[in-house]
Amino acid sequence: MIYKILISSEAFREIELAECFFKSKGIEQEFLKDLNTQFLFLEKMPLSRQIRYKGIRIHLLEIYNYSIHYIVNKNDVMVLHVLNQSQDF
């Protein structure tokens, strides 16, 4: 079964911010490729990650130190955040 990926406006802004950061280093395409690869994984197997808090699952990017925080609703995967793991909140 293929799930539909939905990206919240907040997650979209976080992706844009990360893309801007990596663009300054000249590696934004590699970051976007890694992110896209992980979205393709989540389309196929979003339930493979355990629930971590408040119904939210976390999937790590393979190369970059970012994580995708998402929930699964029926046939949809709602991406809530894409966060740098080094951020201090």
PDB file of N, CA and C in Angstrom:
ATOM      1  N   MET A   1       0.838  -1.182   0.000  1.00  0.00           N
ATOM      2  CA  MET A   1       0.000   0.000   0.000  1.00  0.00           C
ATOM      3  C   MET A   1       0.884   1.247   0.000  1.00  0.00           C
ATOM      4  N   ILE A   2       0.529   2.206  -0.812  1.00  0.00           N
ATOM      5  CA  ILE A   2       1.260   3.474  -0.887  1.00  0.00           C
ATOM      6  C   ILE A   2       0.466   4.537  -0.118  1.00  0.00           C
ATOM      7  N   TYR A   3       1.136   5.173   0.821  1.00  0.00           N
ATOM      8  CA  TYR A   3       0.532   6.251   1.603  1.00  0.00           C
ATOM      9  C   TYR A   3       0.809   7.591   0.921  1.00  0.00           C
ATOM     10  N   LYS A   4      -0.083   8.535   1.125  1.00  0.00           N
ATOM     11  CA  LYS A   4       0.092   9.877   0.575  1.00  0.00           C
ATOM     12  C   LYS A   4       0.816  10.738   1.607  1.00  0.00           C
ATOM     13  N   ILE A   5       1.877  11.423   1.188  1.00  0.00           N
ATOM     14  CA  ILE A   5       2.649  12.299   2.069  1.00  0.00           C
ATOM     15  C   ILE A   5       2.039  13.698   2.045  1.00  0.00           C
ATOM     16  N   LEU A   6       1.687  14.200   3.211  1.00  0.00           N
ATOM     17  CA  LEU A   6       1.189  15.564   3.370  1.00  0.00           C
ATOM     18  C   LEU A   6       2.179  16.310   4.261  1.00  0.00           C
ATOM     19  N   ILE A   7       2.555  17.506   3.857  1.00  0.00           N
ATOM     20  CA  ILE A   7       3.558  18.270   4.608  1.00  0.00           C
ATOM     21  C   ILE A   7       2.897  19.508   5.193  1.00  0.00           C
ATOM     22  N   SER A   8       2.995  19.648   6.517  1.00  0.00           N
ATOM     23  CA  SER A   8       2.413  20.818   7.176  1.00  0.00           C
ATOM     24  C   SER A   8       3.179  22.072   6.771  1.00  0.00           C
ATOM     25  N   SER A   9       2.530  23.217   6.931  1.00  0.00           N
ATOM     26  CA  SER A   9       3.184  24.477   6.566  1.00  0.00           C
ATOM     27  C   SER A   9       4.422  24.714   7.428  1.00  0.00           C
ATOM     28  N   GLU A  10       4.368  24.298   8.684  1.00  0.00           N
ATOM     29  CA  GLU A  10       5.529  24.467   9.555  1.00  0.00           C
ATOM     30  C   GLU A  10       6.698  23.584   9.095  1.00  0.00           C
ATOM     31  N   ALA A  11       6.401  22.343   8.730  1.00  0.00           N
ATOM     32  CA  ALA A  11       7.448  21.449   8.234  1.00  0.00           C
ATOM     33  C   ALA A  11       8.025  21.983   6.924  1.00  0.00           C
ATOM     34  N   PHE A  12       7.167  22.543   6.081  1.00  0.00           N
ATOM     35  CA  PHE A  12       7.635  23.109   4.815  1.00  0.00           C
ATOM     36  C   PHE A  12       8.620  24.250   5.067  1.00  0.00           C
ATOM     37  N   ARG A  13       8.308  25.115   6.048  1.00  0.00           N
ATOM     38  CA  ARG A  13       9.228  26.209   6.393  1.00  0.00           C
ATOM     39  C   ARG A  13      10.542  25.668   6.946  1.00  0.00           C
ATOM     40  N   GLU A  14      10.463  24.611   7.738  1.00  0.00           N
ATOM     41  CA  GLU A  14      11.685  24.013   8.295  1.00  0.00           C
ATOM     42  C   GLU A  14      12.548  23.415   7.187  1.00  0.00           C
ATOM     43  N   ILE A  15      11.918  22.818   6.186  1.00  0.00           N
ATOM     44  CA  ILE A  15      12.653  22.273   5.038  1.00  0.00           C
ATOM     45  C   ILE A  15      13.319  23.406   4.262  1.00  0.00           C
ATOM     46  N   GLU A  16      12.571  24.488   4.035  1.00  0.00           N
ATOM     47  CA  GLU A  16      13.145  25.639   3.330  1.00  0.00           C
ATOM     48  C   GLU A  16      14.334  26.228   4.083  1.00  0.00           C
ATOM     49  N   LEU A  17      14.236  26.314   5.401  1.00  0.00           N
ATOM     50  CA  LEU A  17      15.326  26.838   6.218  1.00  0.00           C
ATOM     51  C   LEU A  17      16.562  25.944   6.111  1.00  0.00           C
ATOM     52  N   ALA A  18      16.353  24.637   6.187  1.00  0.00           N
ATOM     53  CA  ALA A  18      17.471  23.698   6.055  1.00  0.00           C
ATOM     54  C   ALA A  18      18.074  23.781   4.659  1.00  0.00           C
ATOM     55  N   GLU A  19      17.217  23.871   3.647  1.00  0.00           N
ATOM     56  CA  GLU A  19      17.701  23.982   2.269  1.00  0.00           C
ATOM     57  C   GLU A  19      18.554  25.237   2.100  1.00  0.00           C
ATOM     58  N   CYS A  20      18.126  26.344   2.685  1.00  0.00           N
ATOM     59  CA  CYS A  20      18.881  27.595   2.617  1.00  0.00           C
ATOM     60  C   CYS A  20      20.245  27.433   3.281  1.00  0.00           C
ATOM     61  N   PHE A  21      20.267  26.782   4.438  1.00  0.00           N
ATOM     62  CA  PHE A  21      21.532  26.542   5.144  1.00  0.00           C
ATOM     63  C   PHE A  21      22.480  25.702   4.290  1.00  0.00           C
ATOM     64  N   PHE A  22      21.968  24.605   3.722  1.00  0.00           N
ATOM     65  CA  PHE A  22      22.826  23.739   2.917  1.00  0.00           C
ATOM     66  C   PHE A  22      23.205  24.378   1.587  1.00  0.00           C
ATOM     67  N   LYS A  23      22.359  25.284   1.086  1.00  0.00           N
ATOM     68  CA  LYS A  23      22.698  26.008  -0.142  1.00  0.00           C
ATOM     69  C   LYS A  23      23.923  26.880   0.082  1.00  0.00           C
ATOM     70  N   SER A  24      24.030  27.463   1.276  1.00  0.00           N
ATOM     71  CA  SER A  24      25.201  28.296   1.589  1.00  0.00           C
ATOM     72  C   SER A  24      26.482  27.466   1.605  1.00  0.00           C
ATOM     73  N   LYS A  25      26.332  26.162   1.816  1.00  0.00           N
ATOM     74  CA  LYS A  25      27.483  25.252   1.806  1.00  0.00           C
ATOM     75  C   LYS A  25      27.646  24.534   0.463  1.00  0.00           C
ATOM     76  N   GLY A  26      26.698  24.784  -0.451  1.00  0.00           N
ATOM     77  CA  GLY A  26      26.776  24.185  -1.779  1.00  0.00           C
ATOM     78  C   GLY A  26      26.356  22.729  -1.843  1.00  0.00           C
ATOM     79  N   ILE A  27      25.591  22.263  -0.853  1.00  0.00           N
ATOM     80  CA  ILE A  27      25.199  20.844  -0.833  1.00  0.00           C
ATOM     81  C   ILE A  27      23.689  20.659  -0.673  1.00  0.00           C
ATOM     82  N   GLU A  28      22.907  21.655  -1.101  1.00  0.00           N
ATOM     83  CA  GLU A  28      21.463  21.558  -0.911  1.00  0.00           C
ATOM     84  C   GLU A  28      20.844  20.424  -1.711  1.00  0.00           C
ATOM     85  N   GLN A  29      21.397  20.110  -2.895  1.00  0.00           N
ATOM     86  CA  GLN A  29      20.837  19.021  -3.704  1.00  0.00           C
ATOM     87  C   GLN A  29      21.007  17.672  -3.024  1.00  0.00           C
ATOM     88  N   GLU A  30      22.129  17.466  -2.345  1.00  0.00           N
ATOM     89  CA  GLU A  30      22.356  16.213  -1.622  1.00  0.00           C
ATOM     90  C   GLU A  30      21.373  16.086  -0.463  1.00  0.00           C
ATOM     91  N   PHE A  31      21.128  17.203   0.240  1.00  0.00           N
ATOM     92  CA  PHE A  31      20.171  17.192   1.343  1.00  0.00           C
ATOM     93  C   PHE A  31      18.772  16.866   0.822  1.00  0.00           C
ATOM     94  N   LEU A  32      18.363  17.529  -0.250  1.00  0.00           N
ATOM     95  CA  LEU A  32      17.026  17.299  -0.805  1.00  0.00           C
ATOM     96  C   LEU A  32      16.878  15.872  -1.331  1.00  0.00           C
ATOM     97  N   LYS A  33      17.944  15.316  -1.876  1.00  0.00           N
ATOM     98  CA  LYS A  33      17.903  13.928  -2.351  1.00  0.00           C
ATOM     99  C   LYS A  33      17.703  12.975  -1.175  1.00  0.00           C
ATOM    100  N   ASP A  34      18.436  13.208  -0.080  1.00  0.00           N
ATOM    101  CA  ASP A  34      18.287  12.375   1.120  1.00  0.00           C
ATOM    102  C   ASP A  34      16.866  12.502   1.676  1.00  0.00           C
ATOM    103  N   LEU A  35      16.353  13.725   1.750  1.00  0.00           N
ATOM    104  CA  LEU A  35      15.003  13.959   2.258  1.00  0.00           C
ATOM    105  C   LEU A  35      13.975  13.255   1.375  1.00  0.00           C
ATOM    106  N   ASN A  36      14.109  13.374   0.066  1.00  0.00           N
ATOM    107  CA  ASN A  36      13.185  12.724  -0.859  1.00  0.00           C
ATOM    108  C   ASN A  36      13.230  11.204  -0.724  1.00  0.00           C
ATOM    109  N   THR A  37      14.421  10.658  -0.565  1.00  0.00           N
ATOM    110  CA  THR A  37      14.567   9.210  -0.373  1.00  0.00           C
ATOM    111  C   THR A  37      13.801   8.748   0.864  1.00  0.00           C
ATOM    112  N   GLN A  38      13.881   9.532   1.927  1.00  0.00           N
ATOM    113  CA  GLN A  38      13.185   9.161   3.162  1.00  0.00           C
ATOM    114  C   GLN A  38      11.670   9.316   3.011  1.00  0.00           C
ATOM    115  N   PHE A  39      11.219  10.328   2.263  1.00  0.00           N
ATOM    116  CA  PHE A  39       9.785  10.462   1.993  1.00  0.00           C
ATOM    117  C   PHE A  39       9.277   9.265   1.185  1.00  0.00           C
ATOM    118  N   LEU A  40      10.069   8.788   0.229  1.00  0.00           N
ATOM    119  CA  LEU A  40       9.683   7.614  -0.554  1.00  0.00           C
ATOM    120  C   LEU A  40       9.571   6.381   0.349  1.00  0.00           C
ATOM    121  N   PHE A  41      10.480   6.271   1.311  1.00  0.00           N
ATOM    122  CA  PHE A  41      10.411   5.170   2.283  1.00  0.00           C
ATOM    123  C   PHE A  41       9.115   5.262   3.088  1.00  0.00           C
ATOM    124  N   LEU A  42       8.789   6.481   3.555  1.00  0.00           N
ATOM    125  CA  LEU A  42       7.589   6.664   4.373  1.00  0.00           C
ATOM    126  C   LEU A  42       6.310   6.430   3.577  1.00  0.00           C
ATOM    127  N   GLU A  43       6.333   6.660   2.273  1.00  0.00           N
ATOM    128  CA  GLU A  43       5.168   6.355   1.438  1.00  0.00           C
ATOM    129  C   GLU A  43       4.851   4.867   1.475  1.00  0.00           C
ATOM    130  N   LYS A  44       5.883   4.050   1.588  1.00  0.00           N
ATOM    131  CA  LYS A  44       5.712   2.597   1.536  1.00  0.00           C
ATOM    132  C   LYS A  44       5.565   1.965   2.912  1.00  0.00           C
ATOM    133  N   MET A  45       6.323   2.444   3.902  1.00  0.00           N
ATOM    134  CA  MET A  45       6.340   1.779   5.203  1.00  0.00           C
ATOM    135  C   MET A  45       6.328   2.764   6.382  1.00  0.00           C
ATOM    136  N   PRO A  46       5.315   3.596   6.508  1.00  0.00           N
ATOM    137  CA  PRO A  46       5.312   4.565   7.605  1.00  0.00           C
ATOM    138  C   PRO A  46       5.107   3.929   8.980  1.00  0.00           C
ATOM    139  N   LEU A  47       4.502   2.755   9.022  1.00  0.00           N
ATOM    140  CA  LEU A  47       4.236   2.108  10.301  1.00  0.00           C
ATOM    141  C   LEU A  47       5.440   1.343  10.842  1.00  0.00           C
ATOM    142  N   SER A  48       6.551   1.371  10.099  1.00  0.00           N
ATOM    143  CA  SER A  48       7.747   0.652  10.543  1.00  0.00           C
ATOM    144  C   SER A  48       8.464   1.352  11.692  1.00  0.00           C
ATOM    145  N   ARG A  49       8.112   2.595  11.950  1.00  0.00           N
ATOM    146  CA  ARG A  49       8.709   3.343  13.066  1.00  0.00           C
ATOM    147  C   ARG A  49       7.731   3.350  14.232  1.00  0.00           C
ATOM    148  N   GLN A  50       8.272   3.180  15.423  1.00  0.00           N
ATOM    149  CA  GLN A  50       7.403   3.141  16.598  1.00  0.00           C
ATOM    150  C   GLN A  50       6.910   4.534  16.974  1.00  0.00           C
ATOM    151  N   ILE A  51       5.799   4.576  17.693  1.00  0.00           N
ATOM    152  CA  ILE A  51       5.269   5.846  18.190  1.00  0.00           C
ATOM    153  C   ILE A  51       6.163   6.290  19.336  1.00  0.00           C
ATOM    154  N   ARG A  52       6.645   7.534  19.253  1.00  0.00           N
ATOM    155  CA  ARG A  52       7.571   8.046  20.261  1.00  0.00           C
ATOM    156  C   ARG A  52       6.890   8.916  21.303  1.00  0.00           C
ATOM    157  N   TYR A  53       5.978   9.789  20.880  1.00  0.00           N
ATOM    158  CA  TYR A  53       5.268  10.658  21.816  1.00  0.00           C
ATOM    159  C   TYR A  53       3.994  11.179  21.157  1.00  0.00           C
ATOM    160  N   LYS A  54       2.916  11.252  21.918  1.00  0.00           N
ATOM    161  CA  LYS A  54       1.645  11.823  21.458  1.00  0.00           C
ATOM    162  C   LYS A  54       1.223  11.333  20.071  1.00  0.00           C
ATOM    163  N   GLY A  55       1.445  10.066  19.770  1.00  0.00           N
ATOM    164  CA  GLY A  55       1.060   9.503  18.479  1.00  0.00           C
ATOM    165  C   GLY A  55       2.004   9.840  17.341  1.00  0.00           C
ATOM    166  N   ILE A  56       3.132  10.489  17.662  1.00  0.00           N
ATOM    167  CA  ILE A  56       4.083  10.939  16.630  1.00  0.00           C
ATOM    168  C   ILE A  56       5.213   9.931  16.479  1.00  0.00           C
ATOM    169  N   ARG A  57       5.510   9.627  15.240  1.00  0.00           N
ATOM    170  CA  ARG A  57       6.625   8.736  14.902  1.00  0.00           C
ATOM    171  C   ARG A  57       7.784   9.592  14.393  1.00  0.00           C
ATOM    172  N   ILE A  58       8.999   9.074  14.505  1.00  0.00           N
ATOM    173  CA  ILE A  58      10.188   9.807  14.071  1.00  0.00           C
ATOM    174  C   ILE A  58      10.999   8.921  13.136  1.00  0.00           C
ATOM    175  N   HIS A  59      11.377   9.496  12.006  1.00  0.00           N
ATOM    176  CA  HIS A  59      12.228   8.794  11.034  1.00  0.00           C
ATOM    177  C   HIS A  59      13.450   9.672  10.756  1.00  0.00           C
ATOM    178  N   LEU A  60      14.628   9.093  10.869  1.00  0.00           N
ATOM    179  CA  LEU A  60      15.873   9.839  10.674  1.00  0.00           C
ATOM    180  C   LEU A  60      16.311   9.811   9.220  1.00  0.00           C
ATOM    181  N   LEU A  61      16.879  10.928   8.757  1.00  0.00           N
ATOM    182  CA  LEU A  61      17.495  10.938   7.446  1.00  0.00           C
ATOM    183  C   LEU A  61      18.741  10.077   7.488  1.00  0.00           C
ATOM    184  N   GLU A  62      19.094   9.514   6.362  1.00  0.00           N
ATOM    185  CA  GLU A  62      20.211   8.585   6.307  1.00  0.00           C
ATOM    186  C   GLU A  62      21.562   9.289   6.422  1.00  0.00           C
ATOM    187  N   ILE A  63      21.718  10.436   5.752  1.00  0.00           N
ATOM    188  CA  ILE A  63      23.017  11.104   5.691  1.00  0.00           C
ATOM    189  C   ILE A  63      23.077  12.306   6.621  1.00  0.00           C
ATOM    190  N   TYR A  64      22.053  13.115   6.602  1.00  0.00           N
ATOM    191  CA  TYR A  64      22.065  14.365   7.357  1.00  0.00           C
ATOM    192  C   TYR A  64      21.420  14.194   8.721  1.00  0.00           C
ATOM    193  N   ASN A  65      21.806  15.022   9.666  1.00  0.00           N
ATOM    194  CA  ASN A  65      21.378  14.916  11.049  1.00  0.00           C
ATOM    195  C   ASN A  65      20.010  15.588  11.253  1.00  0.00           C
ATOM    196  N   TYR A  66      19.021  15.130  10.490  1.00  0.00           N
ATOM    197  CA  TYR A  66      17.658  15.654  10.574  1.00  0.00           C
ATOM    198  C   TYR A  66      16.697  14.500  10.800  1.00  0.00           C
ATOM    199  N   SER A  67      15.555  14.820  11.382  1.00  0.00           N
ATOM    200  CA  SER A  67      14.531  13.801  11.600  1.00  0.00           C
ATOM    201  C   SER A  67      13.185  14.316  11.105  1.00  0.00           C
ATOM    202  N   ILE A  68      12.378  13.375  10.648  1.00  0.00           N
ATOM    203  CA  ILE A  68      11.036  13.668  10.173  1.00  0.00           C
ATOM    204  C   ILE A  68      10.067  13.207  11.257  1.00  0.00           C
ATOM    205  N   HIS A  69       9.256  14.122  11.771  1.00  0.00           N
ATOM    206  CA  HIS A  69       8.256  13.812  12.790  1.00  0.00           C
ATOM    207  C   HIS A  69       6.906  13.780  12.087  1.00  0.00           C
ATOM    208  N   TYR A  70       6.207  12.654  12.217  1.00  0.00           N
ATOM    209  CA  TYR A  70       4.980  12.476  11.442  1.00  0.00           C
ATOM    210  C   TYR A  70       3.952  11.632  12.181  1.00  0.00           C
ATOM    211  N   ILE A  71       2.725  11.722  11.713  1.00  0.00           N
ATOM    212  CA  ILE A  71       1.651  10.867  12.192  1.00  0.00           C
ATOM    213  C   ILE A  71       1.031  10.168  10.984  1.00  0.00           C
ATOM    214  N   VAL A  72       0.425   9.022  11.241  1.00  0.00           N
ATOM    215  CA  VAL A  72      -0.226   8.255  10.177  1.00  0.00           C
ATOM    216  C   VAL A  72      -1.729   8.277  10.432  1.00  0.00           C
ATOM    217  N   ASN A  73      -2.492   8.745   9.445  1.00  0.00           N
ATOM    218  CA  ASN A  73      -3.951   8.773   9.492  1.00  0.00           C
ATOM    219  C   ASN A  73      -4.484   8.008   8.292  1.00  0.00           C
ATOM    220  N   LYS A  74      -5.036   6.838   8.519  1.00  0.00           N
ATOM    221  CA  LYS A  74      -5.600   6.001   7.454  1.00  0.00           C
ATOM    222  C   LYS A  74      -4.589   5.811   6.328  1.00  0.00           C
ATOM    223  N   ASN A  75      -4.769   6.497   5.182  1.00  0.00           N
ATOM    224  CA  ASN A  75      -3.872   6.340   4.037  1.00  0.00           C
ATOM    225  C   ASN A  75      -2.925   7.511   3.861  1.00  0.00           C
ATOM    226  N   ASP A  76      -2.839   8.383   4.860  1.00  0.00           N
ATOM    227  CA  ASP A  76      -2.006   9.578   4.774  1.00  0.00           C
ATOM    228  C   ASP A  76      -0.899   9.579   5.817  1.00  0.00           C
ATOM    229  N   VAL A  77       0.227  10.168   5.438  1.00  0.00           N
ATOM    230  CA  VAL A  77       1.322  10.432   6.363  1.00  0.00           C
ATOM    231  C   VAL A  77       1.442  11.948   6.454  1.00  0.00           C
ATOM    232  N   MET A  78       1.137  12.502   7.618  1.00  0.00           N
ATOM    233  CA  MET A  78       1.216  13.946   7.827  1.00  0.00           C
ATOM    234  C   MET A  78       2.547  14.274   8.477  1.00  0.00           C
ATOM    235  N   VAL A  79       3.405  14.964   7.734  1.00  0.00           N
ATOM    236  CA  VAL A  79       4.708  15.384   8.251  1.00  0.00           C
ATOM    237  C   VAL A  79       4.488  16.667   9.042  1.00  0.00           C
ATOM    238  N   LEU A  80       4.794  16.613  10.332  1.00  0.00           N
ATOM    239  CA  LEU A  80       4.580  17.757  11.212  1.00  0.00           C
ATOM    240  C   LEU A  80       5.812  18.637  11.315  1.00  0.00           C
ATOM    241  N   HIS A  81       6.985  17.992  11.377  1.00  0.00           N
ATOM    242  CA  HIS A  81       8.245  18.731  11.526  1.00  0.00           C
ATOM    243  C   HIS A  81       9.373  18.000  10.814  1.00  0.00           C
ATOM    244  N   VAL A  82      10.337  18.763  10.354  1.00  0.00           N
ATOM    245  CA  VAL A  82      11.614  18.234   9.879  1.00  0.00           C
ATOM    246  C   VAL A  82      12.670  19.005  10.660  1.00  0.00           C
ATOM    247  N   LEU A  83      13.261  18.343  11.656  1.00  0.00           N
ATOM    248  CA  LEU A  83      14.102  19.033  12.629  1.00  0.00           C
ATOM    249  C   LEU A  83      15.554  18.578  12.578  1.00  0.00           C
ATOM    250  N   ASN A  84      16.434  19.532  12.791  1.00  0.00           N
ATOM    251  CA  ASN A  84      17.857  19.244  12.955  1.00  0.00           C
ATOM    252  C   ASN A  84      18.028  18.642  14.352  1.00  0.00           C
ATOM    253  N   GLN A  85      18.733  17.536  14.445  1.00  0.00           N
ATOM    254  CA  GLN A  85      18.902  16.857  15.727  1.00  0.00           C
ATOM    255  C   GLN A  85      19.842  17.590  16.676  1.00  0.00           C
ATOM    256  N   SER A  86      20.539  18.608  16.189  1.00  0.00           N
ATOM    257  CA  SER A  86      21.455  19.376  17.038  1.00  0.00           C
ATOM    258  C   SER A  86      20.796  20.637  17.598  1.00  0.00           C
ATOM    259  N   GLN A  87      19.547  20.901  17.230  1.00  0.00           N
ATOM    260  CA  GLN A  87      18.858  22.091  17.705  1.00  0.00           C
ATOM    261  C   GLN A  87      18.611  21.995  19.207  1.00  0.00           C
ATOM    262  N   ASP A  88      18.679  23.124  19.862  1.00  0.00           N
ATOM    263  CA  ASP A  88      18.390  23.204  21.287  1.00  0.00           C
ATOM    264  C   ASP A  88      17.084  23.953  21.452  1.00  0.00           C
ATOM    265  N   PHE A  89      16.056  23.274  21.961  1.00  0.00           N
ATOM    266  CA  PHE A  89      14.731  23.889  22.075  1.00  0.00           C
ATOM    267  C   PHE A  89      14.484  24.399  23.455  1.00  0.00           C
TER     268      PHE A  89
END
